[in-house]
């Protein structure tokens, strides 16, 4: 993620409790936040705030968390396509 953060710009996101960043490449605009060190309800609050940023099909949200946010996935599965990756440090992206 260091590459992402080195190329990104910090942005203000309504209702967020952690820093958000954005980065654009030729294909996508990415929004990124990390709640891996935050207890509930911060991960869900920031996930919902981040999802509100997604207005175009070429935008993606990247969340780093200490675990997969299983409680929210059924609530968003009809509106968003999501996938996840387990990171070497045990966190989930």
PDB file of N, CA and C in Angstrom:
ATOM      1  N   UNK A   1       0.808  -1.198   0.000  1.00  0.00           N
ATOM      2  CA  UNK A   1       0.000   0.000   0.000  1.00  0.00           C
ATOM      3  C   UNK A   1       0.851   1.263   0.000  1.00  0.00           C
ATOM      4  N   UNK A   2       2.120   1.160   0.298  1.00  0.00           N
ATOM      5  CA  UNK A   2       2.961   2.354   0.281  1.00  0.00           C
ATOM      6  C   UNK A   2       2.948   3.030  -1.074  1.00  0.00           C
ATOM      7  N   UNK A   3       2.949   2.228  -2.169  1.00  0.00           N
ATOM      8  CA  UNK A   3       2.888   2.813  -3.498  1.00  0.00           C
ATOM      9  C   UNK A   3       1.604   3.620  -3.648  1.00  0.00           C
ATOM     10  N   UNK A   4       0.491   3.029  -3.223  1.00  0.00           N
ATOM     11  CA  UNK A   4      -0.783   3.724  -3.327  1.00  0.00           C
ATOM     12  C   UNK A   4      -0.736   5.043  -2.572  1.00  0.00           C
ATOM     13  N   UNK A   5      -0.298   4.997  -1.328  1.00  0.00           N
ATOM     14  CA  UNK A   5      -0.283   6.213  -0.521  1.00  0.00           C
ATOM     15  C   UNK A   5       0.699   7.243  -1.056  1.00  0.00           C
ATOM     16  N   UNK A   6       1.784   6.803  -1.645  1.00  0.00           N
ATOM     17  CA  UNK A   6       2.754   7.762  -2.179  1.00  0.00           C
ATOM     18  C   UNK A   6       2.216   8.494  -3.407  1.00  0.00           C
ATOM     19  N   UNK A   7       1.259   7.898  -4.096  1.00  0.00           N
ATOM     20  CA  UNK A   7       0.681   8.498  -5.295  1.00  0.00           C
ATOM     21  C   UNK A   7      -0.694   9.114  -5.046  1.00  0.00           C
ATOM     22  N   UNK A   8      -1.156   9.099  -3.814  1.00  0.00           N
ATOM     23  CA  UNK A   8      -2.527   9.503  -3.535  1.00  0.00           C
ATOM     24  C   UNK A   8      -2.608  10.889  -2.902  1.00  0.00           C
ATOM     25  N   UNK A   9      -3.831  11.360  -2.842  1.00  0.00           N
ATOM     26  CA  UNK A   9      -4.152  12.649  -2.251  1.00  0.00           C
ATOM     27  C   UNK A   9      -5.142  12.406  -1.118  1.00  0.00           C
ATOM     28  N   UNK A  10      -4.908  13.009   0.012  1.00  0.00           N
ATOM     29  CA  UNK A  10      -5.833  12.899   1.130  1.00  0.00           C
ATOM     30  C   UNK A  10      -7.080  13.716   0.817  1.00  0.00           C
ATOM     31  N   UNK A  11      -8.254  13.142   1.112  1.00  0.00           N
ATOM     32  CA  UNK A  11      -9.513  13.832   0.860  1.00  0.00           C
ATOM     33  C   UNK A  11     -10.378  13.805   2.118  1.00  0.00           C
ATOM     34  N   UNK A  12     -11.290  14.750   2.200  1.00  0.00           N
ATOM     35  CA  UNK A  12     -12.274  14.787   3.276  1.00  0.00           C
ATOM     36  C   UNK A  12     -13.498  13.997   2.827  1.00  0.00           C
ATOM     37  N   UNK A  13     -13.971  13.118   3.693  1.00  0.00           N
ATOM     38  CA  UNK A  13     -15.150  12.313   3.391  1.00  0.00           C
ATOM     39  C   UNK A  13     -16.168  12.524   4.505  1.00  0.00           C
ATOM     40  N   UNK A  14     -17.354  12.921   4.125  1.00  0.00           N
ATOM     41  CA  UNK A  14     -18.436  13.177   5.064  1.00  0.00           C
ATOM     42  C   UNK A  14     -18.707  11.942   5.919  1.00  0.00           C
ATOM     43  N   UNK A  15     -18.789  12.124   7.215  1.00  0.00           N
ATOM     44  CA  UNK A  15     -19.090  11.080   8.206  1.00  0.00           C
ATOM     45  C   UNK A  15     -17.967  10.074   8.444  1.00  0.00           C
ATOM     46  N   UNK A  16     -16.802  10.279   7.875  1.00  0.00           N
ATOM     47  CA  UNK A  16     -15.702   9.346   8.102  1.00  0.00           C
ATOM     48  C   UNK A  16     -15.013   9.646   9.435  1.00  0.00           C
ATOM     49  N   UNK A  17     -14.386   8.617   9.986  1.00  0.00           N
ATOM     50  CA  UNK A  17     -13.643   8.779  11.241  1.00  0.00           C
ATOM     51  C   UNK A  17     -12.165   8.460  11.063  1.00  0.00           C
ATOM     52  N   UNK A  18     -11.762   8.146   9.832  1.00  0.00           N
ATOM     53  CA  UNK A  18     -10.364   7.860   9.500  1.00  0.00           C
ATOM     54  C   UNK A  18      -9.992   8.638   8.238  1.00  0.00           C
ATOM     55  N   UNK A  19      -8.709   8.789   7.970  1.00  0.00           N
ATOM     56  CA  UNK A  19      -8.312   9.466   6.730  1.00  0.00           C
ATOM     57  C   UNK A  19      -8.685   8.651   5.488  1.00  0.00           C
ATOM     58  N   UNK A  20      -9.101   9.341   4.463  1.00  0.00           N
ATOM     59  CA  UNK A  20      -9.380   8.744   3.152  1.00  0.00           C
ATOM     60  C   UNK A  20      -8.408   9.344   2.145  1.00  0.00           C
ATOM     61  N   UNK A  21      -8.080   8.555   1.137  1.00  0.00           N
ATOM     62  CA  UNK A  21      -7.166   8.989   0.084  1.00  0.00           C
ATOM     63  C   UNK A  21      -7.760   8.613  -1.262  1.00  0.00           C
ATOM     64  N   UNK A  22      -7.335   9.309  -2.296  1.00  0.00           N
ATOM     65  CA  UNK A  22      -7.763   8.978  -3.650  1.00  0.00           C
ATOM     66  C   UNK A  22      -6.552   8.937  -4.568  1.00  0.00           C
ATOM     67  N   UNK A  23      -6.683   8.138  -5.601  1.00  0.00           N
ATOM     68  CA  UNK A  23      -5.623   7.947  -6.588  1.00  0.00           C
ATOM     69  C   UNK A  23      -6.285   7.596  -7.914  1.00  0.00           C
ATOM     70  N   UNK A  24      -5.785   8.144  -9.011  1.00  0.00           N
ATOM     71  CA  UNK A  24      -6.303   7.827 -10.341  1.00  0.00           C
ATOM     72  C   UNK A  24      -5.205   7.216 -11.190  1.00  0.00           C
ATOM     73  N   UNK A  25      -5.577   6.212 -11.970  1.00  0.00           N
ATOM     74  CA  UNK A  25      -4.690   5.722 -13.018  1.00  0.00           C
ATOM     75  C   UNK A  25      -5.451   5.853 -14.337  1.00  0.00           C
ATOM     76  N   UNK A  26      -4.974   5.224 -15.385  1.00  0.00           N
ATOM     77  CA  UNK A  26      -5.612   5.376 -16.693  1.00  0.00           C
ATOM     78  C   UNK A  26      -7.024   4.798 -16.733  1.00  0.00           C
ATOM     79  N   UNK A  27      -7.301   3.808 -15.879  1.00  0.00           N
ATOM     80  CA  UNK A  27      -8.578   3.105 -15.945  1.00  0.00           C
ATOM     81  C   UNK A  27      -9.543   3.433 -14.803  1.00  0.00           C
ATOM     82  N   UNK A  28      -9.021   3.606 -13.589  1.00  0.00           N
ATOM     83  CA  UNK A  28      -9.880   3.732 -12.416  1.00  0.00           C
ATOM     84  C   UNK A  28      -9.511   4.917 -11.540  1.00  0.00           C
ATOM     85  N   UNK A  29     -10.491   5.326 -10.751  1.00  0.00           N
ATOM     86  CA  UNK A  29     -10.270   6.247  -9.643  1.00  0.00           C
ATOM     87  C   UNK A  29     -10.494   5.431  -8.374  1.00  0.00           C
ATOM     88  N   UNK A  30      -9.488   5.400  -7.510  1.00  0.00           N
ATOM     89  CA  UNK A  30      -9.548   4.602  -6.297  1.00  0.00           C
ATOM     90  C   UNK A  30      -9.738   5.502  -5.080  1.00  0.00           C
ATOM     91  N   UNK A  31     -10.515   5.011  -4.140  1.00  0.00           N
ATOM     92  CA  UNK A  31     -10.644   5.629  -2.829  1.00  0.00           C
ATOM     93  C   UNK A  31     -10.147   4.589  -1.825  1.00  0.00           C
ATOM     94  N   UNK A  32      -9.371   5.022  -0.850  1.00  0.00           N
ATOM     95  CA  UNK A  32      -8.702   4.101   0.061  1.00  0.00           C
ATOM     96  C   UNK A  32      -8.839   4.580   1.496  1.00  0.00           C
ATOM     97  N   UNK A  33      -9.071   3.622   2.407  1.00  0.00           N
ATOM     98  CA  UNK A  33      -9.015   3.921   3.830  1.00  0.00           C
ATOM     99  C   UNK A  33      -8.588   2.672   4.591  1.00  0.00           C
ATOM    100  N   UNK A  34      -8.083   2.868   5.791  1.00  0.00           N
ATOM    101  CA  UNK A  34      -7.562   1.776   6.611  1.00  0.00           C
ATOM    102  C   UNK A  34      -8.188   1.846   7.995  1.00  0.00           C
ATOM    103  N   UNK A  35      -8.967   0.823   8.345  1.00  0.00           N
ATOM    104  CA  UNK A  35      -9.560   0.738   9.676  1.00  0.00           C
ATOM    105  C   UNK A  35      -9.029  -0.477  10.428  1.00  0.00           C
ATOM    106  N   UNK A  36      -7.872  -0.958  10.043  1.00  0.00           N
ATOM    107  CA  UNK A  36      -7.324  -2.178  10.656  1.00  0.00           C
ATOM    108  C   UNK A  36      -7.011  -2.009  12.137  1.00  0.00           C
ATOM    109  N   UNK A  37      -6.784  -0.795  12.592  1.00  0.00           N
ATOM    110  CA  UNK A  37      -6.490  -0.549  14.008  1.00  0.00           C
ATOM    111  C   UNK A  37      -7.678   0.027  14.767  1.00  0.00           C
ATOM    112  N   UNK A  38      -8.849   0.001  14.181  1.00  0.00           N
ATOM    113  CA  UNK A  38     -10.025   0.620  14.786  1.00  0.00           C
ATOM    114  C   UNK A  38     -11.059  -0.436  15.159  1.00  0.00           C
ATOM    115  N   UNK A  39     -11.663  -0.294  16.345  1.00  0.00           N
ATOM    116  CA  UNK A  39     -12.709  -1.241  16.756  1.00  0.00           C
ATOM    117  C   UNK A  39     -14.053  -0.880  16.119  1.00  0.00           C
ATOM    118  N   UNK A  40     -14.999  -1.813  16.149  1.00  0.00           N
ATOM    119  CA  UNK A  40     -16.356  -1.482  15.694  1.00  0.00           C
ATOM    120  C   UNK A  40     -16.908  -0.321  16.528  1.00  0.00           C
ATOM    121  N   UNK A  41     -17.673   0.526  15.953  1.00  0.00           N
ATOM    122  CA  UNK A  41     -18.299   0.479  14.630  1.00  0.00           C
ATOM    123  C   UNK A  41     -17.529   1.227  13.548  1.00  0.00           C
ATOM    124  N   UNK A  42     -16.291   1.682  13.828  1.00  0.00           N
ATOM    125  CA  UNK A  42     -15.545   2.484  12.846  1.00  0.00           C
ATOM    126  C   UNK A  42     -15.404   1.826  11.469  1.00  0.00           C
ATOM    127  N   UNK A  43     -15.078   0.532  11.375  1.00  0.00           N
ATOM    128  CA  UNK A  43     -14.974  -0.048  10.034  1.00  0.00           C
ATOM    129  C   UNK A  43     -16.261   0.092   9.218  1.00  0.00           C
ATOM    130  N   UNK A  44     -17.407  -0.205   9.823  1.00  0.00           N
ATOM    131  CA  UNK A  44     -18.663  -0.116   9.085  1.00  0.00           C
ATOM    132  C   UNK A  44     -19.027   1.326   8.772  1.00  0.00           C
ATOM    133  N   UNK A  45     -18.815   2.231   9.717  1.00  0.00           N
ATOM    134  CA  UNK A  45     -19.111   3.655   9.477  1.00  0.00           C
ATOM    135  C   UNK A  45     -18.316   4.158   8.279  1.00  0.00           C
ATOM    136  N   UNK A  46     -17.032   3.821   8.232  1.00  0.00           N
ATOM    137  CA  UNK A  46     -16.188   4.304   7.140  1.00  0.00           C
ATOM    138  C   UNK A  46     -16.455   3.590   5.833  1.00  0.00           C
ATOM    139  N   UNK A  47     -16.811   2.319   5.896  1.00  0.00           N
ATOM    140  CA  UNK A  47     -17.191   1.605   4.676  1.00  0.00           C
ATOM    141  C   UNK A  47     -18.420   2.260   4.055  1.00  0.00           C
ATOM    142  N   UNK A  48     -19.411   2.551   4.845  1.00  0.00           N
ATOM    143  CA  UNK A  48     -20.615   3.187   4.308  1.00  0.00           C
ATOM    144  C   UNK A  48     -20.308   4.588   3.771  1.00  0.00           C
ATOM    145  N   UNK A  49     -19.451   5.334   4.467  1.00  0.00           N
ATOM    146  CA  UNK A  49     -19.057   6.659   3.975  1.00  0.00           C
ATOM    147  C   UNK A  49     -18.301   6.534   2.659  1.00  0.00           C
ATOM    148  N   UNK A  50     -17.426   5.534   2.564  1.00  0.00           N
ATOM    149  CA  UNK A  50     -16.672   5.314   1.337  1.00  0.00           C
ATOM    150  C   UNK A  50     -17.554   4.880   0.180  1.00  0.00           C
ATOM    151  N   UNK A  51     -18.522   4.031   0.442  1.00  0.00           N
ATOM    152  CA  UNK A  51     -19.433   3.594  -0.620  1.00  0.00           C
ATOM    153  C   UNK A  51     -20.223   4.761  -1.184  1.00  0.00           C
ATOM    154  N   UNK A  52     -20.499   5.758  -0.359  1.00  0.00           N
ATOM    155  CA  UNK A  52     -21.200   6.952  -0.844  1.00  0.00           C
ATOM    156  C   UNK A  52     -20.379   7.730  -1.871  1.00  0.00           C
ATOM    157  N   UNK A  53     -19.082   7.505  -1.920  1.00  0.00           N
ATOM    158  CA  UNK A  53     -18.222   8.179  -2.900  1.00  0.00           C
ATOM    159  C   UNK A  53     -18.365   7.592  -4.302  1.00  0.00           C
ATOM    160  N   UNK A  54     -18.801   6.357  -4.382  1.00  0.00           N
ATOM    161  CA  UNK A  54     -18.832   5.646  -5.659  1.00  0.00           C
ATOM    162  C   UNK A  54     -20.037   6.065  -6.482  1.00  0.00           C
ATOM    163  N   UNK A  55     -19.779   6.880  -7.478  1.00  0.00           N
ATOM    164  CA  UNK A  55     -20.844   7.412  -8.331  1.00  0.00           C
ATOM    165  C   UNK A  55     -20.708   6.954  -9.777  1.00  0.00           C
ATOM    166  N   UNK A  56     -19.517   6.484 -10.166  1.00  0.00           N
ATOM    167  CA  UNK A  56     -19.250   6.101 -11.551  1.00  0.00           C
ATOM    168  C   UNK A  56     -18.726   4.671 -11.598  1.00  0.00           C
ATOM    169  N   UNK A  57     -18.892   4.020 -12.733  1.00  0.00           N
ATOM    170  CA  UNK A  57     -18.473   2.620 -12.866  1.00  0.00           C
ATOM    171  C   UNK A  57     -16.957   2.451 -12.837  1.00  0.00           C
ATOM    172  N   UNK A  58     -16.206   3.525 -13.035  1.00  0.00           N
ATOM    173  CA  UNK A  58     -14.746   3.419 -13.017  1.00  0.00           C
ATOM    174  C   UNK A  58     -14.145   3.797 -11.655  1.00  0.00           C
ATOM    175  N   UNK A  59     -14.948   3.785 -10.623  1.00  0.00           N
ATOM    176  CA  UNK A  59     -14.469   4.107  -9.278  1.00  0.00           C
ATOM    177  C   UNK A  59     -14.468   2.849  -8.412  1.00  0.00           C
ATOM    178  N   UNK A  60     -13.425   2.721  -7.595  1.00  0.00           N
ATOM    179  CA  UNK A  60     -13.287   1.568  -6.707  1.00  0.00           C
ATOM    180  C   UNK A  60     -12.928   2.039  -5.309  1.00  0.00           C
ATOM    181  N   UNK A  61     -13.397   1.279  -4.331  1.00  0.00           N
ATOM    182  CA  UNK A  61     -13.110   1.562  -2.936  1.00  0.00           C
ATOM    183  C   UNK A  61     -12.221   0.455  -2.391  1.00  0.00           C
ATOM    184  N   UNK A  62     -11.138   0.846  -1.734  1.00  0.00           N
ATOM    185  CA  UNK A  62     -10.228  -0.106  -1.106  1.00  0.00           C
ATOM    186  C   UNK A  62     -10.288   0.111   0.395  1.00  0.00           C
ATOM    187  N   UNK A  63     -10.600  -0.952   1.101  1.00  0.00           N
ATOM    188  CA  UNK A  63     -10.672  -0.922   2.561  1.00  0.00           C
ATOM    189  C   UNK A  63      -9.649  -1.910   3.100  1.00  0.00           C
ATOM    190  N   UNK A  64      -8.867  -1.488   4.077  1.00  0.00           N
ATOM    191  CA  UNK A  64      -7.994  -2.390   4.821  1.00  0.00           C
ATOM    192  C   UNK A  64      -8.613  -2.518   6.204  1.00  0.00           C
ATOM    193  N   UNK A  65      -8.822  -3.758   6.635  1.00  0.00           N
ATOM    194  CA  UNK A  65      -9.465  -3.977   7.922  1.00  0.00           C
ATOM    195  C   UNK A  65      -8.842  -5.197   8.594  1.00  0.00           C
ATOM    196  N   UNK A  66      -9.077  -5.325   9.892  1.00  0.00           N
ATOM    197  CA  UNK A  66      -8.519  -6.456  10.635  1.00  0.00           C
ATOM    198  C   UNK A  66      -9.236  -7.764  10.308  1.00  0.00           C
ATOM    199  N   UNK A  67     -10.465  -7.685   9.748  1.00  0.00           N
ATOM    200  CA  UNK A  67     -11.191  -8.868   9.302  1.00  0.00           C
ATOM    201  C   UNK A  67     -12.212  -8.460   8.257  1.00  0.00           C
ATOM    202  N   UNK A  68     -12.755  -9.442   7.567  1.00  0.00           N
ATOM    203  CA  UNK A  68     -13.785  -9.188   6.568  1.00  0.00           C
ATOM    204  C   UNK A  68     -15.048  -8.679   7.270  1.00  0.00           C
ATOM    205  N   UNK A  69     -15.633  -7.585   6.803  1.00  0.00           N
ATOM    206  CA  UNK A  69     -16.821  -7.028   7.470  1.00  0.00           C
ATOM    207  C   UNK A  69     -18.085  -7.793   7.078  1.00  0.00           C
ATOM    208  N   UNK A  70     -18.238  -8.995   7.599  1.00  0.00           N
ATOM    209  CA  UNK A  70     -19.319  -9.894   7.202  1.00  0.00           C
ATOM    210  C   UNK A  70     -20.716  -9.326   7.438  1.00  0.00           C
ATOM    211  N   UNK A  71     -20.895  -8.526   8.466  1.00  0.00           N
ATOM    212  CA  UNK A  71     -22.228  -8.007   8.777  1.00  0.00           C
ATOM    213  C   UNK A  71     -22.772  -7.080   7.693  1.00  0.00           C
ATOM    214  N   UNK A  72     -21.889  -6.371   7.007  1.00  0.00           N
ATOM    215  CA  UNK A  72     -22.358  -5.399   6.016  1.00  0.00           C
ATOM    216  C   UNK A  72     -22.464  -5.995   4.608  1.00  0.00           C
ATOM    217  N   UNK A  73     -21.775  -7.070   4.332  1.00  0.00           N
ATOM    218  CA  UNK A  73     -21.762  -7.604   2.962  1.00  0.00           C
ATOM    219  C   UNK A  73     -23.153  -7.951   2.430  1.00  0.00           C
ATOM    220  N   UNK A  74     -24.021  -8.608   3.191  1.00  0.00           N
ATOM    221  CA  UNK A  74     -25.368  -8.861   2.660  1.00  0.00           C
ATOM    222  C   UNK A  74     -26.151  -7.589   2.363  1.00  0.00           C
ATOM    223  N   UNK A  75     -25.848  -6.514   3.061  1.00  0.00           N
ATOM    224  CA  UNK A  75     -26.566  -5.253   2.868  1.00  0.00           C
ATOM    225  C   UNK A  75     -26.147  -4.539   1.582  1.00  0.00           C
ATOM    226  N   UNK A  76     -24.959  -4.823   1.080  1.00  0.00           N
ATOM    227  CA  UNK A  76     -24.467  -4.106  -0.105  1.00  0.00           C
ATOM    228  C   UNK A  76     -24.369  -4.984  -1.345  1.00  0.00           C
ATOM    229  N   UNK A  77     -24.581  -6.289  -1.209  1.00  0.00           N
ATOM    230  CA  UNK A  77     -24.324  -7.208  -2.311  1.00  0.00           C
ATOM    231  C   UNK A  77     -25.204  -6.965  -3.540  1.00  0.00           C
ATOM    232  N   UNK A  78     -26.362  -6.360  -3.387  1.00  0.00           N
ATOM    233  CA  UNK A  78     -27.216  -6.079  -4.541  1.00  0.00           C
ATOM    234  C   UNK A  78     -26.823  -4.805  -5.271  1.00  0.00           C
ATOM    235  N   UNK A  79     -26.023  -3.965  -4.633  1.00  0.00           N
ATOM    236  CA  UNK A  79     -25.661  -2.677  -5.228  1.00  0.00           C
ATOM    237  C   UNK A  79     -24.197  -2.570  -5.636  1.00  0.00           C
ATOM    238  N   UNK A  80     -23.345  -3.433  -5.068  1.00  0.00           N
ATOM    239  CA  UNK A  80     -21.908  -3.333  -5.325  1.00  0.00           C
ATOM    240  C   UNK A  80     -21.313  -4.711  -5.565  1.00  0.00           C
ATOM    241  N   UNK A  81     -20.331  -4.744  -6.434  1.00  0.00           N
ATOM    242  CA  UNK A  81     -19.528  -5.948  -6.633  1.00  0.00           C
ATOM    243  C   UNK A  81     -18.319  -5.803  -5.724  1.00  0.00           C
ATOM    244  N   UNK A  82     -18.018  -6.834  -4.953  1.00  0.00           N
ATOM    245  CA  UNK A  82     -16.876  -6.751  -4.054  1.00  0.00           C
ATOM    246  C   UNK A  82     -16.082  -8.046  -4.082  1.00  0.00           C
ATOM    247  N   UNK A  83     -14.831  -7.909  -3.761  1.00  0.00           N
ATOM    248  CA  UNK A  83     -13.966  -9.069  -3.577  1.00  0.00           C
ATOM    249  C   UNK A  83     -13.004  -8.725  -2.455  1.00  0.00           C
ATOM    250  N   UNK A  84     -12.328  -9.738  -1.971  1.00  0.00           N
ATOM    251  CA  UNK A  84     -11.399  -9.490  -0.874  1.00  0.00           C
ATOM    252  C   UNK A  84     -10.150 -10.334  -1.043  1.00  0.00           C
ATOM    253  N   UNK A  85      -9.130  -9.883  -0.347  1.00  0.00           N
ATOM    254  CA  UNK A  85      -7.817 -10.530  -0.380  1.00  0.00           C
ATOM    255  C   UNK A  85      -7.280 -10.532   1.032  1.00  0.00           C
ATOM    256  N   UNK A  86      -6.841 -11.699   1.487  1.00  0.00           N
ATOM    257  CA  UNK A  86      -6.194 -11.767   2.792  1.00  0.00           C
ATOM    258  C   UNK A  86      -4.740 -11.364   2.628  1.00  0.00           C
ATOM    259  N   UNK A  87      -4.292 -10.442   3.439  1.00  0.00           N
ATOM    260  CA  UNK A  87      -2.935  -9.922   3.367  1.00  0.00           C
ATOM    261  C   UNK A  87      -1.994 -10.745   4.259  1.00  0.00           C
ATOM    262  N   UNK A  88      -0.724 -10.655   3.996  1.00  0.00           N
ATOM    263  CA  UNK A  88       0.282 -11.426   4.749  1.00  0.00           C
ATOM    264  C   UNK A  88       0.248 -11.139   6.244  1.00  0.00           C
ATOM    265  N   UNK A  89      -0.118  -9.925   6.628  1.00  0.00           N
ATOM    266  CA  UNK A  89      -0.149  -9.561   8.047  1.00  0.00           C
ATOM    267  C   UNK A  89      -1.440  -9.981   8.738  1.00  0.00           C
ATOM    268  N   UNK A  90      -2.322 -10.702   8.035  1.00  0.00           N
ATOM    269  CA  UNK A  90      -3.568 -11.173   8.616  1.00  0.00           C
ATOM    270  C   UNK A  90      -4.750 -10.245   8.385  1.00  0.00           C
ATOM    271  N   UNK A  91      -4.506  -9.043   7.897  1.00  0.00           N
ATOM    272  CA  UNK A  91      -5.585  -8.120   7.612  1.00  0.00           C
ATOM    273  C   UNK A  91      -6.266  -8.516   6.302  1.00  0.00           C
ATOM    274  N   UNK A  92      -7.352  -7.843   5.993  1.00  0.00           N
ATOM    275  CA  UNK A  92      -8.108  -8.098   4.779  1.00  0.00           C
ATOM    276  C   UNK A  92      -8.179  -6.812   3.970  1.00  0.00           C
ATOM    277  N   UNK A  93      -8.012  -6.945   2.669  1.00  0.00           N
ATOM    278  CA  UNK A  93      -8.116  -5.820   1.738  1.00  0.00           C
ATOM    279  C   UNK A  93      -9.336  -6.075   0.859  1.00  0.00           C
TER     280      UNK A  93
END
